[in-house]
C-alpha cells in the first residue's frame, strides 16, 4: 500500500511540474503571467493545440511538396538514362547489321 501511495505521490509531483513547465512555456510565448495561464488552462491548451495542428499541417504540406520535387527529379534522371540506353542499344543493332 505504501508503494502505491508513493507512486501516486510521484505521479502527482511530475504532473504538477509538467503543468508548471507548460505554463512557463506559454508565458514566455505569449507574454502573459503564469497565474493567468493557469487560470485559463483549458483555453490555453486549446489554443496550443490549434497552433500545433497548424504547424503540423504546414510541415506536412512542405514535406509533400519536397517529395513531389524529388520524385520529378528522379523521373527526369531515369528518363535520361532510358534515352541513353535506348540510343546505345540502337547503335549496337546498327553496327551488328554492318558486321554481319
Protein backbone atom coordinates (compact mmCIF):
# COMPACT_ATOMS: atom_id res chain seq x y z
CA UNK A 1 0.00 0.00 0.00
CA UNK A 2 2.88 2.31 0.82
CA UNK A 3 4.43 1.76 -2.60
CA UNK A 4 1.16 2.58 -4.31
CA UNK A 5 0.78 5.83 -2.39
CA UNK A 6 4.42 6.67 -3.01
CA UNK A 7 3.96 6.05 -6.75
CA UNK A 8 0.82 8.17 -6.82
CA UNK A 9 2.67 10.92 -4.96
CA UNK A 10 5.46 10.93 -7.53
CA UNK A 11 2.93 10.98 -10.37
CA UNK A 12 1.25 13.99 -8.77
CA UNK A 13 4.58 15.81 -8.40
CA UNK A 14 5.57 15.05 -12.00
CA UNK A 15 2.16 16.13 -13.30
CA UNK A 16 2.36 19.38 -11.37
CA UNK A 17 5.86 20.02 -12.68
CA UNK A 18 4.67 19.38 -16.24
CA UNK A 19 1.78 21.83 -15.81
CA UNK A 20 4.13 24.48 -14.42
CA UNK A 21 6.63 23.89 -17.23
CA UNK A 22 3.84 24.27 -19.78
CA UNK A 23 2.58 27.44 -18.09
CA UNK A 24 6.11 28.89 -18.12
CA UNK A 25 6.50 27.99 -21.79
CA UNK A 26 3.18 29.65 -22.71
CA UNK A 27 4.06 32.64 -20.53
CA UNK A 28 7.31 33.14 -22.42
CA UNK A 29 5.50 32.65 -25.73
CA UNK A 30 2.53 34.95 -25.11
CA UNK A 31 3.84 37.43 -22.54
CA UNK A 32 1.00 36.60 -20.13
CA UNK A 33 1.82 35.88 -16.50
CA UNK A 34 1.81 32.28 -15.29
CA UNK A 35 -1.17 32.77 -12.98
CA UNK A 36 -3.35 33.97 -15.86
CA UNK A 37 -2.30 30.99 -17.94
CA UNK A 38 -3.05 28.57 -15.11
CA UNK A 39 -6.46 30.16 -14.56
CA UNK A 40 -7.27 29.78 -18.26
CA UNK A 41 -5.55 26.42 -18.71
CA UNK A 42 -8.30 24.72 -20.78
CA UNK A 43 -8.42 27.66 -23.20
CA UNK A 44 -4.63 27.81 -23.32
CA UNK A 45 -4.47 24.11 -24.13
CA UNK A 46 -7.00 24.56 -26.95
CA UNK A 47 -5.00 27.47 -28.38
CA UNK A 48 -1.81 25.49 -28.11
CA UNK A 49 -3.43 22.50 -29.82
CA UNK A 50 -4.62 24.71 -32.66
CA UNK A 51 -1.12 26.18 -33.07
CA UNK A 52 0.48 22.73 -33.16
CA UNK A 53 -2.10 21.47 -35.65
CA UNK A 54 -1.33 24.42 -37.92
CA UNK A 55 2.40 23.75 -37.61
CA UNK A 56 1.82 20.10 -38.41
CA UNK A 57 -0.28 20.90 -41.49
CA UNK A 58 2.35 23.37 -42.71
CA UNK A 59 5.12 20.81 -42.21
CA UNK A 60 3.11 18.09 -43.96
CA UNK A 61 2.47 20.36 -46.93
CA UNK A 62 6.16 21.27 -47.16
CA UNK A 63 7.06 17.58 -46.98
CA UNK A 64 4.61 16.69 -49.74
CA UNK A 65 6.00 19.45 -51.94
CA UNK A 66 9.59 18.36 -51.32
CA UNK A 67 8.68 14.74 -52.09
CA UNK A 68 6.97 15.75 -55.33
CA UNK A 69 10.02 17.77 -56.40
CA UNK A 70 12.35 14.89 -55.60
CA UNK A 71 10.10 12.45 -57.46
CA UNK A 72 10.14 14.70 -60.55
CA UNK A 73 13.94 14.91 -60.33
CA UNK A 74 14.25 11.12 -60.13
CA UNK A 75 11.86 10.67 -63.07
CA UNK A 76 13.96 13.06 -65.16
CA UNK A 77 17.14 11.14 -64.33
CA UNK A 78 15.51 7.81 -65.17
CA UNK A 79 14.16 9.19 -68.43
CA UNK A 80 17.62 10.47 -69.40
CA UNK A 81 19.16 7.09 -68.58
CA UNK A 82 16.48 5.29 -70.62
CA UNK A 83 17.16 7.52 -73.62
CA UNK A 84 20.89 6.91 -73.28
CA UNK A 85 20.35 3.15 -73.02
CA UNK A 86 17.98 3.18 -76.00
CA UNK A 87 20.50 5.12 -78.09
CA UNK A 88 23.27 2.68 -77.16
CA UNK A 89 21.03 -0.28 -78.00
CA UNK A 90 20.13 1.24 -81.39
CA UNK A 91 23.81 1.87 -82.11
CA UNK A 92 24.71 -1.73 -81.26
CA UNK A 93 21.93 -3.04 -83.54
CA UNK A 94 23.11 -0.86 -86.41
CA UNK A 95 26.75 -1.89 -86.00
CA UNK A 96 25.75 -5.56 -85.69
CA UNK A 97 23.99 -5.36 -89.07
CA UNK A 98 27.12 -3.86 -90.65
CA UNK A 99 29.42 -6.53 -89.20
CA UNK A 100 27.34 -9.45 -90.50
